[in-house]
Amino acid sequence: MTLLASNAARRMATVFNDSTQVLYIKVGAATASTSSYTTQIASNGYYEVPFPVCTGIIDGIWASAN
């Protein structure tokens, strides 16, 4: 699932996982999966995309649906 579309003007990006499941995100590349990701965000976790901020797609997938 696309969390943020590609945006050349992006200055910052943050992601908050309000699910009870782990969120796997992939920054600046193709589709995220539980085996191909940039980082995992635990339930109620927060992630700031590091500087310089990626202007490409940010994709995510949860470990399971709930």
N, C-alpha and C. Protein backbone atom coordinates (compact mmCIF):
# COMPACT_ATOMS: atom_id res chain seq x y z
N MET A 1 0.83 -1.15 0.00
CA MET A 1 0.00 0.00 0.00
C MET A 1 0.89 1.23 0.00
N THR A 2 0.57 2.19 -0.81
CA THR A 2 1.32 3.43 -0.85
C THR A 2 0.92 4.31 0.33
N LEU A 3 1.90 4.64 1.17
CA LEU A 3 1.65 5.55 2.28
C LEU A 3 1.82 6.99 1.83
N LEU A 4 2.87 7.25 1.05
CA LEU A 4 3.11 8.56 0.46
C LEU A 4 3.57 8.39 -0.97
N ALA A 5 2.93 9.10 -1.89
CA ALA A 5 3.33 9.07 -3.29
C ALA A 5 4.64 9.85 -3.46
N SER A 6 5.32 9.60 -4.56
CA SER A 6 6.53 10.34 -4.89
C SER A 6 6.21 11.83 -4.94
N ASN A 7 7.11 12.66 -4.36
CA ASN A 7 6.87 14.10 -4.31
C ASN A 7 8.22 14.81 -4.23
N ALA A 8 8.62 15.45 -5.32
CA ALA A 8 9.91 16.13 -5.39
C ALA A 8 10.01 17.30 -4.42
N ALA A 9 8.90 17.82 -3.95
CA ALA A 9 8.89 18.96 -3.04
C ALA A 9 8.84 18.55 -1.56
N ARG A 10 8.88 17.27 -1.27
CA ARG A 10 8.77 16.80 0.12
C ARG A 10 9.93 17.33 0.96
N ARG A 11 9.61 17.90 2.12
CA ARG A 11 10.62 18.43 3.04
C ARG A 11 10.83 17.53 4.25
N MET A 12 9.78 16.80 4.62
CA MET A 12 9.87 15.87 5.74
C MET A 12 8.76 14.84 5.61
N ALA A 13 8.90 13.75 6.33
CA ALA A 13 7.86 12.73 6.34
C ALA A 13 7.91 11.98 7.66
N THR A 14 6.76 11.74 8.23
CA THR A 14 6.64 10.95 9.44
C THR A 14 5.52 9.93 9.23
N VAL A 15 5.66 8.80 9.92
CA VAL A 15 4.66 7.74 9.83
C VAL A 15 4.34 7.29 11.25
N PHE A 16 3.06 7.20 11.58
CA PHE A 16 2.61 6.70 12.87
C PHE A 16 1.79 5.44 12.63
N ASN A 17 2.12 4.37 13.34
CA ASN A 17 1.40 3.11 13.20
C ASN A 17 0.36 2.99 14.31
N ASP A 18 -0.91 3.23 13.96
CA ASP A 18 -1.96 3.13 14.97
C ASP A 18 -2.63 1.75 14.99
N SER A 19 -2.02 0.79 14.32
CA SER A 19 -2.50 -0.58 14.31
C SER A 19 -1.92 -1.34 15.50
N THR A 20 -2.48 -2.52 15.78
CA THR A 20 -1.90 -3.38 16.81
C THR A 20 -0.84 -4.30 16.22
N GLN A 21 -0.65 -4.24 14.90
CA GLN A 21 0.32 -5.08 14.20
C GLN A 21 1.55 -4.28 13.78
N VAL A 22 2.65 -4.97 13.53
CA VAL A 22 3.87 -4.34 13.04
C VAL A 22 3.63 -3.82 11.62
N LEU A 23 4.08 -2.59 11.36
CA LEU A 23 4.03 -2.00 10.02
C LEU A 23 5.42 -2.04 9.43
N TYR A 24 5.56 -2.62 8.26
CA TYR A 24 6.84 -2.66 7.54
C TYR A 24 6.77 -1.57 6.47
N ILE A 25 7.75 -0.67 6.46
CA ILE A 25 7.74 0.36 5.42
C ILE A 25 9.00 0.26 4.58
N LYS A 26 8.86 0.64 3.33
CA LYS A 26 9.97 0.69 2.40
C LYS A 26 10.01 2.09 1.82
N VAL A 27 11.16 2.72 1.95
CA VAL A 27 11.33 4.11 1.55
C VAL A 27 12.03 4.19 0.20
N GLY A 28 11.42 4.89 -0.74
CA GLY A 28 12.05 5.19 -2.01
C GLY A 28 12.23 4.02 -2.95
N ALA A 29 11.43 3.00 -2.81
CA ALA A 29 11.58 1.83 -3.68
C ALA A 29 10.23 1.19 -3.92
N ALA A 30 10.27 0.03 -4.50
CA ALA A 30 9.05 -0.70 -4.85
C ALA A 30 8.31 -1.19 -3.61
N THR A 31 7.38 -2.06 -3.81
CA THR A 31 6.47 -2.55 -2.79
C THR A 31 7.16 -3.12 -1.55
N ALA A 32 6.67 -2.73 -0.38
CA ALA A 32 7.17 -3.27 0.89
C ALA A 32 6.60 -4.66 1.11
N SER A 33 7.37 -5.49 1.79
CA SER A 33 6.89 -6.81 2.21
C SER A 33 7.51 -7.10 3.56
N THR A 34 7.09 -8.18 4.18
CA THR A 34 7.65 -8.54 5.49
C THR A 34 9.08 -9.05 5.40
N SER A 35 9.57 -9.26 4.18
CA SER A 35 10.97 -9.68 4.00
C SER A 35 11.81 -8.65 3.24
N SER A 36 11.18 -7.61 2.72
CA SER A 36 11.90 -6.55 1.99
C SER A 36 11.34 -5.20 2.43
N TYR A 37 12.05 -4.56 3.35
CA TYR A 37 11.55 -3.31 3.92
C TYR A 37 12.73 -2.47 4.41
N THR A 38 12.45 -1.19 4.68
CA THR A 38 13.46 -0.29 5.23
C THR A 38 13.49 -0.37 6.75
N THR A 39 12.31 -0.36 7.36
CA THR A 39 12.22 -0.43 8.81
C THR A 39 10.87 -1.01 9.24
N GLN A 40 10.83 -1.49 10.47
CA GLN A 40 9.59 -1.98 11.07
C GLN A 40 9.14 -0.94 12.09
N ILE A 41 7.83 -0.71 12.13
CA ILE A 41 7.27 0.20 13.13
C ILE A 41 6.32 -0.62 14.00
N ALA A 42 6.62 -0.71 15.27
CA ALA A 42 5.77 -1.45 16.21
C ALA A 42 4.44 -0.74 16.40
N SER A 43 3.50 -1.44 17.01
CA SER A 43 2.21 -0.85 17.33
C SER A 43 2.40 0.45 18.11
N ASN A 44 1.70 1.48 17.69
CA ASN A 44 1.79 2.83 18.29
C ASN A 44 3.17 3.43 18.15
N GLY A 45 3.96 2.93 17.19
CA GLY A 45 5.29 3.46 16.95
C GLY A 45 5.27 4.60 15.94
N TYR A 46 6.37 5.33 15.91
CA TYR A 46 6.51 6.54 15.11
C TYR A 46 7.85 6.49 14.39
N TYR A 47 7.87 6.92 13.15
CA TYR A 47 9.10 6.91 12.36
C TYR A 47 9.23 8.23 11.61
N GLU A 48 10.41 8.83 11.69
CA GLU A 48 10.73 10.02 10.91
C GLU A 48 11.70 9.61 9.82
N VAL A 49 11.35 9.93 8.59
CA VAL A 49 12.24 9.62 7.47
C VAL A 49 13.49 10.49 7.64
N PRO A 50 14.68 9.88 7.66
CA PRO A 50 15.91 10.63 7.92
C PRO A 50 16.23 11.64 6.83
N PHE A 51 16.98 12.67 7.21
CA PHE A 51 17.43 13.71 6.29
C PHE A 51 18.68 13.24 5.58
N PRO A 52 18.89 13.48 4.30
CA PRO A 52 17.95 14.16 3.41
C PRO A 52 16.73 13.28 3.14
N VAL A 53 15.58 13.90 3.15
CA VAL A 53 14.32 13.18 3.03
C VAL A 53 14.16 12.61 1.63
N CYS A 54 13.77 11.35 1.60
CA CYS A 54 13.50 10.68 0.33
C CYS A 54 12.29 11.33 -0.32
N THR A 55 12.39 11.65 -1.58
CA THR A 55 11.26 12.24 -2.30
C THR A 55 10.51 11.19 -3.12
N GLY A 56 10.97 9.95 -3.08
CA GLY A 56 10.31 8.86 -3.79
C GLY A 56 9.13 8.31 -3.01
N ILE A 57 8.58 7.24 -3.53
CA ILE A 57 7.43 6.60 -2.90
C ILE A 57 7.80 6.01 -1.54
N ILE A 58 6.84 6.03 -0.62
CA ILE A 58 6.99 5.36 0.67
C ILE A 58 5.82 4.39 0.75
N ASP A 59 6.16 3.12 0.87
CA ASP A 59 5.18 2.04 0.80
C ASP A 59 5.14 1.31 2.13
N GLY A 60 4.02 0.69 2.46
CA GLY A 60 3.91 -0.03 3.72
C GLY A 60 3.00 -1.24 3.63
N ILE A 61 3.24 -2.16 4.56
CA ILE A 61 2.38 -3.36 4.67
C ILE A 61 2.39 -3.77 6.15
N TRP A 62 1.25 -4.21 6.64
CA TRP A 62 1.16 -4.69 8.02
C TRP A 62 1.44 -6.17 8.07
N ALA A 63 1.93 -6.63 9.22
CA ALA A 63 2.25 -8.05 9.40
C ALA A 63 1.00 -8.92 9.22
N SER A 64 -0.14 -8.43 9.68
CA SER A 64 -1.42 -9.10 9.45
C SER A 64 -2.53 -8.07 9.61
N ALA A 65 -3.68 -8.35 9.07
CA ALA A 65 -4.81 -7.43 9.15
C ALA A 65 -5.49 -7.56 10.50
N ASN A 66 -5.98 -6.43 11.00
CA ASN A 66 -6.78 -6.46 12.23
C ASN A 66 -7.80 -5.35 12.23
